Amino acid sequence: ELRQVFRGASRSDEEKAREVMGELAQASQVLSRALTDAIKRLAVVLERFFAPQLSAVQGIDFQPATASYVESPAVVELISAIEATLDPFRAGLNSNCFDSLVLTTIAEHVVPALERVALGKRAGAFNALGAMQLDKDLRALTAFFSGLTQRTVRDQFTRLSQIALVLNLADPSEIWEYNWGDQGVGNASILWRLTADEVKRVMERRVDFRPERIKALRL
């Protein structure tokens, strides 16, 4: 294509044009890295405005005695705080920059904190109802962030969704029904992002999963 553009031009003009194009490409890469860095630094600053609500999620009781049909109050407050923090930037940034800010906030601040809620809790911290509650909370957060950006957010929540899936198993052996490893027999199309050790750590959080059944799994 370039040869067609430069058809009829002198060799020196063609070389000069190619040199300028190379400089433009380098400048574009530099600007792109600078923009990415600026958005990351902005996300760090903004995280301070919803940090208390994010910390409050750590205190959710995932051993309820009765089922709840809505997301946890702490998650409702977290969603409200994040929305209030990010909303002023919707008009101040172009759509691409705002989408990048949302995805950076999810990937570097929200998701790591929520993974600590599940993986960082003590063994036996979840009962079956609590596992269902975590799933509801994650669905609420995914729906909220999906409404903020034109890009997909499901990739950012994949590991958390898989953590919720493991917590909601009726028995540790059900993992084979979700295409885990070579012994998977299920029809579900799942590309697992959790390691075998992480799957077992998640299972250990269920108070009603017997440790010997978890240890017996050859993941």
N, C-alpha and C. Protein backbone atom coordinates (compact mmCIF):
# COMPACT_ATOMS: atom_id res chain seq x y z
N GLU A 1 0.82 -1.20 0.00
CA GLU A 1 0.00 0.00 0.00
C GLU A 1 0.86 1.26 0.00
N LEU A 2 1.93 1.20 0.80
CA LEU A 2 2.80 2.37 0.86
C LEU A 2 3.45 2.64 -0.48
N ARG A 3 3.81 1.59 -1.19
CA ARG A 3 4.45 1.78 -2.50
C ARG A 3 3.50 2.45 -3.47
N GLN A 4 2.20 2.15 -3.34
CA GLN A 4 1.23 2.82 -4.22
C GLN A 4 1.12 4.30 -3.87
N VAL A 5 1.19 4.60 -2.56
CA VAL A 5 1.12 6.00 -2.14
C VAL A 5 2.31 6.79 -2.67
N PHE A 6 3.49 6.16 -2.62
CA PHE A 6 4.71 6.85 -3.02
C PHE A 6 5.05 6.65 -4.49
N ARG A 7 4.14 6.06 -5.24
CA ARG A 7 4.41 5.82 -6.65
C ARG A 7 4.62 7.15 -7.38
N GLY A 8 5.71 7.26 -8.05
CA GLY A 8 6.04 8.49 -8.77
C GLY A 8 6.87 9.46 -7.98
N ALA A 9 7.02 9.24 -6.66
CA ALA A 9 7.83 10.13 -5.84
C ALA A 9 9.30 9.74 -5.96
N SER A 10 10.15 10.71 -5.69
CA SER A 10 11.58 10.41 -5.72
C SER A 10 11.94 9.53 -4.53
N ARG A 11 13.07 8.84 -4.65
CA ARG A 11 13.50 7.94 -3.58
C ARG A 11 13.76 8.72 -2.29
N SER A 12 14.33 9.92 -2.42
CA SER A 12 14.63 10.72 -1.22
C SER A 12 13.34 11.17 -0.52
N ASP A 13 12.32 11.53 -1.32
CA ASP A 13 11.04 11.94 -0.72
C ASP A 13 10.38 10.75 -0.01
N GLU A 14 10.48 9.59 -0.63
CA GLU A 14 9.89 8.40 -0.02
C GLU A 14 10.58 8.07 1.31
N GLU A 15 11.90 8.13 1.32
CA GLU A 15 12.64 7.83 2.54
C GLU A 15 12.34 8.85 3.64
N LYS A 16 12.20 10.13 3.24
CA LYS A 16 11.89 11.17 4.22
C LYS A 16 10.51 10.95 4.83
N ALA A 17 9.56 10.57 3.96
CA ALA A 17 8.20 10.32 4.44
C ALA A 17 8.17 9.14 5.40
N ARG A 18 8.91 8.09 5.06
CA ARG A 18 8.97 6.91 5.94
C ARG A 18 9.62 7.26 7.28
N GLU A 19 10.61 8.13 7.23
CA GLU A 19 11.27 8.55 8.47
C GLU A 19 10.30 9.29 9.37
N VAL A 20 9.50 10.19 8.76
CA VAL A 20 8.51 10.95 9.54
C VAL A 20 7.45 10.02 10.11
N MET A 21 7.05 9.04 9.32
CA MET A 21 6.05 8.08 9.80
C MET A 21 6.58 7.29 10.99
N GLY A 22 7.85 6.93 10.94
CA GLY A 22 8.45 6.22 12.07
C GLY A 22 8.47 7.07 13.32
N GLU A 23 8.76 8.37 13.15
CA GLU A 23 8.78 9.28 14.29
C GLU A 23 7.38 9.44 14.88
N LEU A 24 6.37 9.48 14.01
CA LEU A 24 4.99 9.59 14.48
C LEU A 24 4.59 8.34 15.27
N ALA A 25 5.01 7.19 14.80
CA ALA A 25 4.69 5.94 15.51
C ALA A 25 5.33 5.92 16.89
N GLN A 26 6.58 6.37 16.97
CA GLN A 26 7.25 6.42 18.28
C GLN A 26 6.57 7.41 19.21
N ALA A 27 6.18 8.57 18.65
CA ALA A 27 5.50 9.59 19.46
C ALA A 27 4.17 9.05 19.98
N SER A 28 3.47 8.31 19.14
CA SER A 28 2.20 7.73 19.54
C SER A 28 2.37 6.75 20.70
N GLN A 29 3.43 5.94 20.65
CA GLN A 29 3.70 4.99 21.73
C GLN A 29 4.02 5.71 23.03
N VAL A 30 4.81 6.78 22.92
CA VAL A 30 5.18 7.56 24.12
C VAL A 30 3.93 8.18 24.74
N LEU A 31 3.07 8.78 23.91
CA LEU A 31 1.85 9.41 24.41
C LEU A 31 0.91 8.38 25.02
N SER A 32 0.83 7.21 24.41
CA SER A 32 -0.03 6.15 24.92
C SER A 32 0.42 5.70 26.30
N ARG A 33 1.74 5.52 26.46
CA ARG A 33 2.26 5.12 27.78
C ARG A 33 2.02 6.21 28.81
N ALA A 34 2.20 7.47 28.40
CA ALA A 34 1.98 8.59 29.32
C ALA A 34 0.53 8.66 29.76
N LEU A 35 -0.39 8.42 28.81
CA LEU A 35 -1.82 8.44 29.12
C LEU A 35 -2.19 7.31 30.09
N THR A 36 -1.66 6.13 29.82
CA THR A 36 -1.92 4.99 30.71
C THR A 36 -1.42 5.26 32.11
N ASP A 37 -0.22 5.82 32.21
CA ASP A 37 0.36 6.13 33.52
C ASP A 37 -0.48 7.18 34.24
N ALA A 38 -0.94 8.20 33.51
CA ALA A 38 -1.74 9.27 34.13
C ALA A 38 -3.06 8.71 34.66
N ILE A 39 -3.69 7.82 33.91
CA ILE A 39 -4.95 7.22 34.35
C ILE A 39 -4.74 6.36 35.58
N LYS A 40 -3.64 5.62 35.62
CA LYS A 40 -3.35 4.80 36.81
C LYS A 40 -3.14 5.67 38.04
N ARG A 41 -2.44 6.80 37.87
CA ARG A 41 -2.19 7.68 39.00
C ARG A 41 -3.49 8.34 39.47
N LEU A 42 -4.36 8.68 38.51
CA LEU A 42 -5.66 9.25 38.86
C LEU A 42 -6.50 8.24 39.62
N ALA A 43 -6.47 6.98 39.19
CA ALA A 43 -7.24 5.93 39.88
C ALA A 43 -6.76 5.74 41.31
N VAL A 44 -5.46 5.87 41.53
CA VAL A 44 -4.91 5.75 42.89
C VAL A 44 -5.47 6.86 43.78
N VAL A 45 -5.51 8.08 43.26
CA VAL A 45 -6.03 9.21 44.03
C VAL A 45 -7.52 9.01 44.32
N LEU A 46 -8.28 8.60 43.31
CA LEU A 46 -9.73 8.47 43.48
C LEU A 46 -10.11 7.33 44.41
N GLU A 47 -9.26 6.32 44.49
CA GLU A 47 -9.56 5.18 45.36
C GLU A 47 -9.72 5.61 46.81
N ARG A 48 -9.05 6.68 47.19
CA ARG A 48 -9.15 7.16 48.58
C ARG A 48 -10.56 7.60 48.93
N PHE A 49 -11.34 7.98 47.94
CA PHE A 49 -12.69 8.50 48.21
C PHE A 49 -13.70 7.38 48.46
N PHE A 50 -13.40 6.16 48.03
CA PHE A 50 -14.32 5.05 48.33
C PHE A 50 -13.61 3.94 49.11
N ALA A 51 -12.41 4.22 49.61
CA ALA A 51 -11.66 3.24 50.40
C ALA A 51 -12.41 2.78 51.65
N PRO A 52 -13.08 3.69 52.40
CA PRO A 52 -13.81 3.21 53.59
C PRO A 52 -14.91 2.20 53.25
N GLN A 53 -15.63 2.46 52.15
CA GLN A 53 -16.68 1.53 51.74
C GLN A 53 -16.10 0.22 51.23
N LEU A 54 -14.94 0.30 50.58
CA LEU A 54 -14.28 -0.92 50.10
C LEU A 54 -13.79 -1.75 51.29
N SER A 55 -13.30 -1.09 52.31
CA SER A 55 -12.86 -1.80 53.51
C SER A 55 -14.04 -2.43 54.24
N ALA A 56 -15.19 -1.76 54.18
CA ALA A 56 -16.37 -2.27 54.89
C ALA A 56 -16.85 -3.60 54.32
N VAL A 57 -16.55 -3.85 53.05
CA VAL A 57 -16.94 -5.12 52.44
C VAL A 57 -16.26 -6.29 53.14
N GLN A 58 -15.07 -6.03 53.68
CA GLN A 58 -14.35 -7.07 54.41
C GLN A 58 -15.14 -7.57 55.61
N GLY A 59 -16.03 -6.74 56.13
CA GLY A 59 -16.77 -7.10 57.33
C GLY A 59 -18.10 -7.78 57.08
N ILE A 60 -18.43 -8.07 55.83
CA ILE A 60 -19.70 -8.75 55.54
C ILE A 60 -19.71 -10.13 56.18
N ASP A 61 -20.82 -10.46 56.80
CA ASP A 61 -20.99 -11.79 57.42
C ASP A 61 -21.44 -12.77 56.35
N PHE A 62 -20.59 -13.72 56.03
CA PHE A 62 -20.94 -14.71 55.02
C PHE A 62 -21.35 -16.05 55.64
N GLN A 63 -21.86 -15.97 56.86
CA GLN A 63 -22.47 -17.12 57.51
C GLN A 63 -23.87 -16.75 58.02
N PRO A 64 -24.72 -16.22 57.15
CA PRO A 64 -26.05 -15.79 57.59
C PRO A 64 -26.92 -17.00 57.93
N ALA A 65 -27.89 -16.76 58.82
CA ALA A 65 -28.82 -17.83 59.20
C ALA A 65 -29.99 -17.91 58.24
N THR A 66 -30.26 -16.81 57.53
CA THR A 66 -31.36 -16.79 56.58
C THR A 66 -30.88 -16.24 55.25
N ALA A 67 -31.57 -16.63 54.20
CA ALA A 67 -31.18 -16.19 52.85
C ALA A 67 -31.59 -14.75 52.60
N SER A 68 -30.78 -14.04 51.85
CA SER A 68 -31.09 -12.68 51.42
C SER A 68 -31.26 -12.69 49.91
N TYR A 69 -32.21 -11.88 49.43
CA TYR A 69 -32.48 -11.87 48.00
C TYR A 69 -31.96 -10.61 47.31
N VAL A 70 -31.19 -9.82 48.06
CA VAL A 70 -30.59 -8.61 47.49
C VAL A 70 -29.12 -8.57 47.88
N GLU A 71 -28.38 -7.67 47.26
CA GLU A 71 -26.96 -7.54 47.58
C GLU A 71 -26.78 -6.98 48.99
N SER A 72 -25.59 -7.19 49.53
CA SER A 72 -25.29 -6.74 50.89
C SER A 72 -25.34 -5.22 50.99
N PRO A 73 -25.81 -4.67 52.12
CA PRO A 73 -25.81 -3.21 52.30
C PRO A 73 -24.43 -2.59 52.08
N ALA A 74 -23.37 -3.29 52.49
CA ALA A 74 -22.02 -2.76 52.30
C ALA A 74 -21.70 -2.61 50.81
N VAL A 75 -22.17 -3.52 50.00
CA VAL A 75 -21.93 -3.45 48.55
C VAL A 75 -22.75 -2.34 47.94
N VAL A 76 -23.98 -2.13 48.43
CA VAL A 76 -24.81 -1.02 47.96
C VAL A 76 -24.10 0.31 48.22
N GLU A 77 -23.53 0.44 49.43
CA GLU A 77 -22.81 1.67 49.77
C GLU A 77 -21.54 1.82 48.94
N LEU A 78 -20.87 0.72 48.66
CA LEU A 78 -19.66 0.78 47.84
C LEU A 78 -20.00 1.24 46.43
N ILE A 79 -21.05 0.70 45.86
CA ILE A 79 -21.47 1.10 44.51
C ILE A 79 -21.81 2.59 44.49
N SER A 80 -22.54 3.05 45.50
CA SER A 80 -22.91 4.47 45.57
C SER A 80 -21.68 5.36 45.67
N ALA A 81 -20.69 4.95 46.47
CA ALA A 81 -19.48 5.75 46.65
C ALA A 81 -18.65 5.80 45.38
N ILE A 82 -18.52 4.67 44.69
CA ILE A 82 -17.75 4.64 43.44
C ILE A 82 -18.44 5.47 42.38
N GLU A 83 -19.75 5.37 42.31
CA GLU A 83 -20.49 6.15 41.32
C GLU A 83 -20.31 7.65 41.55
N ALA A 84 -20.41 8.06 42.81
CA ALA A 84 -20.23 9.48 43.14
C ALA A 84 -18.82 9.95 42.84
N THR A 85 -17.84 9.05 42.98
CA THR A 85 -16.44 9.42 42.74
C THR A 85 -16.14 9.54 41.24
N LEU A 86 -16.64 8.61 40.46
CA LEU A 86 -16.30 8.57 39.04
C LEU A 86 -17.19 9.46 38.17
N ASP A 87 -18.41 9.70 38.61
CA ASP A 87 -19.38 10.40 37.75
C ASP A 87 -18.90 11.77 37.25
N PRO A 88 -18.23 12.60 38.07
CA PRO A 88 -17.78 13.90 37.56
C PRO A 88 -16.79 13.79 36.40
N PHE A 89 -16.11 12.65 36.28
CA PHE A 89 -15.12 12.50 35.21
C PHE A 89 -15.74 12.02 33.90
N ARG A 90 -17.01 11.65 33.96
CA ARG A 90 -17.67 11.18 32.74
C ARG A 90 -17.76 12.30 31.71
N ALA A 91 -18.01 13.52 32.19
CA ALA A 91 -18.10 14.66 31.28
C ALA A 91 -16.73 15.29 31.01
N GLY A 92 -15.80 15.15 31.95
CA GLY A 92 -14.51 15.80 31.81
C GLY A 92 -13.52 15.04 30.94
N LEU A 93 -13.73 13.74 30.76
CA LEU A 93 -12.83 12.92 29.94
C LEU A 93 -13.56 12.44 28.69
N ASN A 94 -12.81 12.19 27.63
CA ASN A 94 -13.47 11.58 26.47
C ASN A 94 -13.82 10.13 26.81
N SER A 95 -14.64 9.51 25.99
CA SER A 95 -15.18 8.20 26.33
C SER A 95 -14.09 7.15 26.50
N ASN A 96 -13.05 7.20 25.66
CA ASN A 96 -11.97 6.21 25.77
C ASN A 96 -11.21 6.35 27.08
N CYS A 97 -10.92 7.58 27.46
CA CYS A 97 -10.19 7.80 28.72
C CYS A 97 -11.05 7.42 29.92
N PHE A 98 -12.34 7.76 29.86
CA PHE A 98 -13.21 7.41 30.98
C PHE A 98 -13.34 5.89 31.11
N ASP A 99 -13.49 5.20 29.97
CA ASP A 99 -13.56 3.74 30.00
C ASP A 99 -12.28 3.15 30.59
N SER A 100 -11.14 3.71 30.22
CA SER A 100 -9.87 3.23 30.76
C SER A 100 -9.79 3.47 32.26
N LEU A 101 -10.31 4.59 32.72
CA LEU A 101 -10.32 4.89 34.15
C LEU A 101 -11.18 3.88 34.90
N VAL A 102 -12.34 3.56 34.34
CA VAL A 102 -13.23 2.58 34.98
C VAL A 102 -12.56 1.22 35.06
N LEU A 103 -11.98 0.76 33.96
CA LEU A 103 -11.35 -0.56 33.93
C LEU A 103 -10.14 -0.62 34.86
N THR A 104 -9.38 0.48 34.94
CA THR A 104 -8.23 0.53 35.85
C THR A 104 -8.70 0.47 37.30
N THR A 105 -9.77 1.18 37.60
CA THR A 105 -10.33 1.16 38.95
C THR A 105 -10.75 -0.25 39.34
N ILE A 106 -11.38 -0.95 38.40
CA ILE A 106 -11.80 -2.33 38.67
C ILE A 106 -10.60 -3.23 38.89
N ALA A 107 -9.69 -3.22 37.90
CA ALA A 107 -8.60 -4.20 37.89
C ALA A 107 -7.59 -3.98 39.01
N GLU A 108 -7.32 -2.74 39.38
CA GLU A 108 -6.23 -2.47 40.32
C GLU A 108 -6.69 -2.12 41.73
N HIS A 109 -7.99 -1.88 41.90
CA HIS A 109 -8.45 -1.48 43.23
C HIS A 109 -9.62 -2.31 43.74
N VAL A 110 -10.64 -2.48 42.92
CA VAL A 110 -11.83 -3.19 43.39
C VAL A 110 -11.63 -4.70 43.43
N VAL A 111 -11.20 -5.28 42.31
CA VAL A 111 -11.05 -6.74 42.25
C VAL A 111 -10.05 -7.28 43.27
N PRO A 112 -8.84 -6.69 43.40
CA PRO A 112 -7.92 -7.23 44.41
C PRO A 112 -8.50 -7.22 45.82
N ALA A 113 -9.25 -6.17 46.15
CA ALA A 113 -9.85 -6.09 47.49
C ALA A 113 -10.91 -7.17 47.67
N LEU A 114 -11.70 -7.43 46.63
CA LEU A 114 -12.74 -8.44 46.73
C LEU A 114 -12.15 -9.85 46.75
N GLU A 115 -11.04 -10.05 46.06
CA GLU A 115 -10.40 -11.37 46.13
C GLU A 115 -9.90 -11.63 47.55
N ARG A 116 -9.44 -10.58 48.21
CA ARG A 116 -8.99 -10.75 49.60
C ARG A 116 -10.15 -11.10 50.52
N VAL A 117 -11.37 -10.65 50.16
CA VAL A 117 -12.54 -10.99 50.95
C VAL A 117 -12.73 -12.50 50.97
N ALA A 118 -12.56 -13.14 49.82
CA ALA A 118 -12.77 -14.59 49.72
C ALA A 118 -11.54 -15.38 50.12
N LEU A 119 -10.41 -15.08 49.50
CA LEU A 119 -9.21 -15.88 49.72
C LEU A 119 -8.51 -15.54 51.03
N GLY A 120 -8.77 -14.35 51.54
CA GLY A 120 -8.08 -13.93 52.75
C GLY A 120 -8.80 -14.28 54.03
N LYS A 121 -10.07 -14.67 53.92
CA LYS A 121 -10.81 -15.03 55.12
C LYS A 121 -10.35 -16.37 55.67
N ARG A 122 -10.67 -16.59 56.92
CA ARG A 122 -10.27 -17.84 57.57
C ARG A 122 -11.03 -19.02 56.95
N ALA A 123 -10.50 -20.21 57.16
CA ALA A 123 -11.19 -21.41 56.71
C ALA A 123 -12.54 -21.50 57.40
N GLY A 124 -13.56 -21.93 56.66
CA GLY A 124 -14.89 -22.07 57.22
C GLY A 124 -15.64 -20.76 57.37
N ALA A 125 -15.24 -19.71 56.65
CA ALA A 125 -15.86 -18.40 56.80
C ALA A 125 -17.19 -18.28 56.03
N PHE A 126 -17.46 -19.21 55.12
CA PHE A 126 -18.68 -19.17 54.32
C PHE A 126 -19.54 -20.40 54.59
N ASN A 127 -20.85 -20.19 54.74
CA ASN A 127 -21.76 -21.30 54.63
C ASN A 127 -22.42 -21.23 53.25
N ALA A 128 -23.34 -22.13 52.96
CA ALA A 128 -23.95 -22.16 51.63
C ALA A 128 -24.69 -20.85 51.31
N LEU A 129 -25.38 -20.30 52.31
CA LEU A 129 -26.10 -19.04 52.10
C LEU A 129 -25.13 -17.88 51.88
N GLY A 130 -24.02 -17.91 52.58
CA GLY A 130 -23.01 -16.87 52.40
C GLY A 130 -22.39 -16.92 51.02
N ALA A 131 -22.19 -18.14 50.50
CA ALA A 131 -21.66 -18.30 49.15
C ALA A 131 -22.63 -17.70 48.14
N MET A 132 -23.93 -17.93 48.36
CA MET A 132 -24.94 -17.34 47.48
C MET A 132 -24.93 -15.83 47.58
N GLN A 133 -24.71 -15.31 48.79
CA GLN A 133 -24.66 -13.86 48.98
C GLN A 133 -23.49 -13.24 48.23
N LEU A 134 -22.33 -13.88 48.29
CA LEU A 134 -21.18 -13.37 47.55
C LEU A 134 -21.48 -13.33 46.06
N ASP A 135 -22.13 -14.36 45.55
CA ASP A 135 -22.48 -14.39 44.14
C ASP A 135 -23.41 -13.22 43.79
N LYS A 136 -24.40 -12.94 44.62
CA LYS A 136 -25.30 -11.81 44.39
C LYS A 136 -24.52 -10.49 44.39
N ASP A 137 -23.61 -10.35 45.34
CA ASP A 137 -22.84 -9.11 45.44
C ASP A 137 -21.97 -8.90 44.20
N LEU A 138 -21.35 -9.97 43.73
CA LEU A 138 -20.51 -9.85 42.54
C LEU A 138 -21.34 -9.52 41.31
N ARG A 139 -22.50 -10.11 41.20
CA ARG A 139 -23.39 -9.80 40.07
C ARG A 139 -23.81 -8.34 40.08
N ALA A 140 -24.09 -7.82 41.27
CA ALA A 140 -24.48 -6.41 41.40
C ALA A 140 -23.34 -5.48 40.98
N LEU A 141 -22.13 -5.80 41.41
CA LEU A 141 -20.97 -4.98 41.03
C LEU A 141 -20.68 -5.07 39.53
N THR A 142 -20.78 -6.26 38.99
CA THR A 142 -20.55 -6.43 37.55
C THR A 142 -21.56 -5.65 36.73
N ALA A 143 -22.82 -5.70 37.15
CA ALA A 143 -23.87 -4.96 36.44
C ALA A 143 -23.64 -3.45 36.54
N PHE A 144 -23.23 -3.00 37.72
CA PHE A 144 -22.96 -1.57 37.92
C PHE A 144 -21.85 -1.08 37.00
N PHE A 145 -20.71 -1.77 37.01
CA PHE A 145 -19.58 -1.34 36.19
C PHE A 145 -19.88 -1.50 34.70
N SER A 146 -20.68 -2.48 34.34
CA SER A 146 -21.06 -2.65 32.93
C SER A 146 -21.85 -1.45 32.43
N GLY A 147 -22.62 -0.85 33.34
CA GLY A 147 -23.39 0.33 32.97
C GLY A 147 -22.56 1.60 32.90
N LEU A 148 -21.34 1.56 33.43
CA LEU A 148 -20.48 2.74 33.41
C LEU A 148 -19.66 2.87 32.13
N THR A 149 -19.31 1.73 31.53
CA THR A 149 -18.37 1.75 30.41
C THR A 149 -18.93 1.03 29.19
N GLN A 150 -18.44 1.43 28.03
CA GLN A 150 -18.84 0.78 26.79
C GLN A 150 -18.05 -0.50 26.55
N ARG A 151 -17.00 -0.71 27.29
CA ARG A 151 -16.19 -1.91 27.15
C ARG A 151 -16.70 -3.00 28.09
N THR A 152 -16.34 -4.23 27.79
CA THR A 152 -16.75 -5.33 28.65
C THR A 152 -15.93 -5.35 29.93
N VAL A 153 -16.58 -5.67 31.04
CA VAL A 153 -15.87 -5.75 32.32
C VAL A 153 -15.80 -7.19 32.81
N ARG A 154 -16.36 -8.11 32.07
CA ARG A 154 -16.43 -9.50 32.53
C ARG A 154 -15.05 -10.12 32.71
N ASP A 155 -14.10 -9.73 31.85
CA ASP A 155 -12.75 -10.28 31.99
C ASP A 155 -12.15 -9.92 33.34
N GLN A 156 -12.38 -8.68 33.79
CA GLN A 156 -11.83 -8.25 35.07
C GLN A 156 -12.43 -9.04 36.24
N PHE A 157 -13.67 -9.49 36.07
CA PHE A 157 -14.35 -10.19 37.15
C PHE A 157 -14.31 -11.71 37.00
N THR A 158 -13.55 -12.21 36.02
CA THR A 158 -13.54 -13.65 35.77
C THR A 158 -13.08 -14.45 36.98
N ARG A 159 -11.96 -14.09 37.56
CA ARG A 159 -11.45 -14.85 38.70
C ARG A 159 -12.45 -14.81 39.87
N LEU A 160 -13.02 -13.65 40.13
CA LEU A 160 -13.99 -13.55 41.21
C LEU A 160 -15.22 -14.40 40.93
N SER A 161 -15.67 -14.41 39.69
CA SER A 161 -16.83 -15.23 39.32
C SER A 161 -16.52 -16.70 39.53
N GLN A 162 -15.28 -17.10 39.23
CA GLN A 162 -14.91 -18.50 39.43
C GLN A 162 -14.77 -18.83 40.92
N ILE A 163 -14.32 -17.87 41.71
CA ILE A 163 -14.29 -18.07 43.16
C ILE A 163 -15.70 -18.30 43.69
N ALA A 164 -16.65 -17.47 43.22
CA ALA A 164 -18.04 -17.63 43.65
C ALA A 164 -18.61 -18.97 43.20
N LEU A 165 -18.23 -19.39 41.99
CA LEU A 165 -18.70 -20.68 41.48
C LEU A 165 -18.23 -21.82 42.38
N VAL A 166 -16.95 -21.80 42.74
CA VAL A 166 -16.39 -22.86 43.60
C VAL A 166 -17.06 -22.84 44.97
N LEU A 167 -17.28 -21.65 45.52
CA LEU A 167 -17.92 -21.56 46.83
C LEU A 167 -19.35 -22.08 46.80
N ASN A 168 -19.99 -22.01 45.64
CA ASN A 168 -21.39 -22.42 45.53
C ASN A 168 -21.57 -23.87 45.10
N LEU A 169 -20.47 -24.63 45.00
CA LEU A 169 -20.61 -26.04 44.70
C LEU A 169 -21.33 -26.75 45.84
N ALA A 170 -22.11 -27.77 45.50
CA ALA A 170 -22.78 -28.56 46.53
C ALA A 170 -21.80 -29.49 47.23
N ASP A 171 -20.74 -29.85 46.52
CA ASP A 171 -19.73 -30.76 47.05
C ASP A 171 -18.43 -30.50 46.29
N PRO A 172 -17.26 -30.64 46.94
CA PRO A 172 -16.00 -30.39 46.24
C PRO A 172 -15.85 -31.18 44.94
N SER A 173 -16.37 -32.38 44.88
CA SER A 173 -16.23 -33.21 43.67
C SER A 173 -16.96 -32.64 42.47
N GLU A 174 -17.87 -31.69 42.69
CA GLU A 174 -18.60 -31.09 41.57
C GLU A 174 -17.69 -30.27 40.66
N ILE A 175 -16.48 -30.01 41.11
CA ILE A 175 -15.55 -29.23 40.29
C ILE A 175 -15.32 -29.89 38.94
N TRP A 176 -15.42 -31.25 38.90
CA TRP A 176 -15.19 -31.96 37.65
C TRP A 176 -16.29 -31.68 36.63
N GLU A 177 -17.43 -31.23 37.07
CA GLU A 177 -18.54 -30.93 36.16
C GLU A 177 -18.36 -29.60 35.45
N TYR A 178 -17.31 -28.88 35.80
CA TYR A 178 -17.04 -27.57 35.20
C TYR A 178 -15.73 -27.56 34.43
N ASN A 179 -15.47 -28.68 33.76
CA ASN A 179 -14.32 -28.79 32.85
C ASN A 179 -13.00 -28.46 33.52
N TRP A 180 -12.83 -28.95 34.75
CA TRP A 180 -11.53 -28.73 35.40
C TRP A 180 -10.55 -29.80 34.93
N GLY A 181 -9.45 -29.38 34.32
CA GLY A 181 -8.37 -30.28 33.94
C GLY A 181 -8.79 -31.38 32.99
N ASP A 182 -7.99 -32.43 32.93
CA ASP A 182 -8.23 -33.53 32.00
C ASP A 182 -9.41 -34.39 32.41
N GLN A 183 -9.81 -34.32 33.69
CA GLN A 183 -10.88 -35.16 34.17
C GLN A 183 -12.24 -34.48 34.10
N GLY A 184 -12.26 -33.25 33.56
CA GLY A 184 -13.53 -32.54 33.48
C GLY A 184 -14.52 -33.27 32.59
N VAL A 185 -15.75 -33.39 33.07
CA VAL A 185 -16.78 -34.11 32.32
C VAL A 185 -17.97 -33.23 31.99
N GLY A 186 -17.96 -32.01 32.44
CA GLY A 186 -19.12 -31.15 32.22
C GLY A 186 -19.14 -30.54 30.83
N ASN A 187 -20.28 -29.91 30.53
CA ASN A 187 -20.46 -29.25 29.24
C ASN A 187 -20.16 -27.76 29.31
N ALA A 188 -19.91 -27.28 30.52
CA ALA A 188 -19.66 -25.84 30.68
C ALA A 188 -18.35 -25.45 30.00
N SER A 189 -18.40 -24.33 29.27
CA SER A 189 -17.20 -23.84 28.60
C SER A 189 -16.52 -22.82 29.50
N ILE A 190 -15.55 -23.28 30.29
CA ILE A 190 -14.88 -22.43 31.27
C ILE A 190 -13.38 -22.48 31.06
N LEU A 191 -12.78 -21.31 30.90
CA LEU A 191 -11.33 -21.20 30.88
C LEU A 191 -10.92 -20.77 32.28
N TRP A 192 -10.40 -21.73 33.05
CA TRP A 192 -10.13 -21.47 34.45
C TRP A 192 -8.95 -20.51 34.63
N ARG A 193 -9.15 -19.50 35.48
CA ARG A 193 -8.10 -18.55 35.83
C ARG A 193 -7.54 -18.81 37.22
N LEU A 194 -8.16 -19.72 37.94
CA LEU A 194 -7.68 -20.07 39.27
C LEU A 194 -6.73 -21.25 39.18
N THR A 195 -5.72 -21.27 40.02
CA THR A 195 -4.82 -22.41 40.09
C THR A 195 -5.46 -23.50 40.95
N ALA A 196 -4.87 -24.69 40.91
CA ALA A 196 -5.38 -25.80 41.72
C ALA A 196 -5.31 -25.44 43.21
N ASP A 197 -4.22 -24.82 43.64
CA ASP A 197 -4.08 -24.43 45.04
C ASP A 197 -5.14 -23.41 45.44
N GLU A 198 -5.43 -22.47 44.55
CA GLU A 198 -6.44 -21.46 44.85
C GLU A 198 -7.82 -22.08 44.95
N VAL A 199 -8.12 -23.04 44.07
CA VAL A 199 -9.42 -23.72 44.13
C VAL A 199 -9.59 -24.40 45.49
N LYS A 200 -8.56 -25.07 45.94
CA LYS A 200 -8.64 -25.74 47.24
C LYS A 200 -8.75 -24.73 48.38
N ARG A 201 -8.05 -23.62 48.26
CA ARG A 201 -8.16 -22.57 49.29
C ARG A 201 -9.58 -22.04 49.38
N VAL A 202 -10.21 -21.86 48.22
CA VAL A 202 -11.59 -21.39 48.20
C VAL A 202 -12.51 -22.43 48.83
N MET A 203 -12.31 -23.68 48.48
CA MET A 203 -13.15 -24.75 49.05
C MET A 203 -13.03 -24.80 50.57
N GLU A 204 -11.84 -24.53 51.07
CA GLU A 204 -11.61 -24.56 52.52
C GLU A 204 -12.41 -23.48 53.24
N ARG A 205 -12.86 -22.47 52.52
CA ARG A 205 -13.64 -21.40 53.15
C ARG A 205 -15.08 -21.83 53.43
N ARG A 206 -15.53 -22.91 52.80
CA ARG A 206 -16.87 -23.43 53.07
C ARG A 206 -16.86 -24.25 54.36
N VAL A 207 -17.65 -23.84 55.31
CA VAL A 207 -17.66 -24.49 56.61
C VAL A 207 -18.13 -25.93 56.54
N ASP A 208 -18.96 -26.26 55.53
CA ASP A 208 -19.53 -27.61 55.45
C ASP A 208 -18.78 -28.52 54.48
N PHE A 209 -17.65 -28.07 53.92
CA PHE A 209 -16.83 -28.95 53.08
C PHE A 209 -15.78 -29.63 53.96
N ARG A 210 -15.83 -30.92 54.01
CA ARG A 210 -14.91 -31.65 54.87
C ARG A 210 -13.47 -31.56 54.32
N PRO A 211 -12.51 -31.24 55.18
CA PRO A 211 -11.11 -31.08 54.73
C PRO A 211 -10.56 -32.30 54.01
N GLU A 212 -10.93 -33.49 54.45
CA GLU A 212 -10.40 -34.69 53.81
C GLU A 212 -10.91 -34.87 52.39
N ARG A 213 -12.14 -34.39 52.12
CA ARG A 213 -12.67 -34.48 50.75
C ARG A 213 -11.96 -33.49 49.84
N ILE A 214 -11.58 -32.34 50.39
CA ILE A 214 -10.85 -31.35 49.60
C ILE A 214 -9.44 -31.88 49.30
N LYS A 215 -8.78 -32.41 50.31
CA LYS A 215 -7.43 -32.92 50.13
C LYS A 215 -7.39 -34.09 49.16
N ALA A 216 -8.47 -34.85 49.10
CA ALA A 216 -8.52 -36.04 48.24
C ALA A 216 -8.60 -35.67 46.75
N LEU A 217 -8.99 -34.45 46.44
CA LEU A 217 -9.11 -34.02 45.05
C LEU A 217 -7.73 -33.91 44.42
N ARG A 218 -7.54 -34.54 43.31
CA ARG A 218 -6.27 -34.45 42.59
C ARG A 218 -6.42 -33.44 41.44
N LEU A 219 -6.32 -32.17 41.83
CA LEU A 219 -6.50 -31.11 40.84
C LEU A 219 -5.22 -30.84 40.08
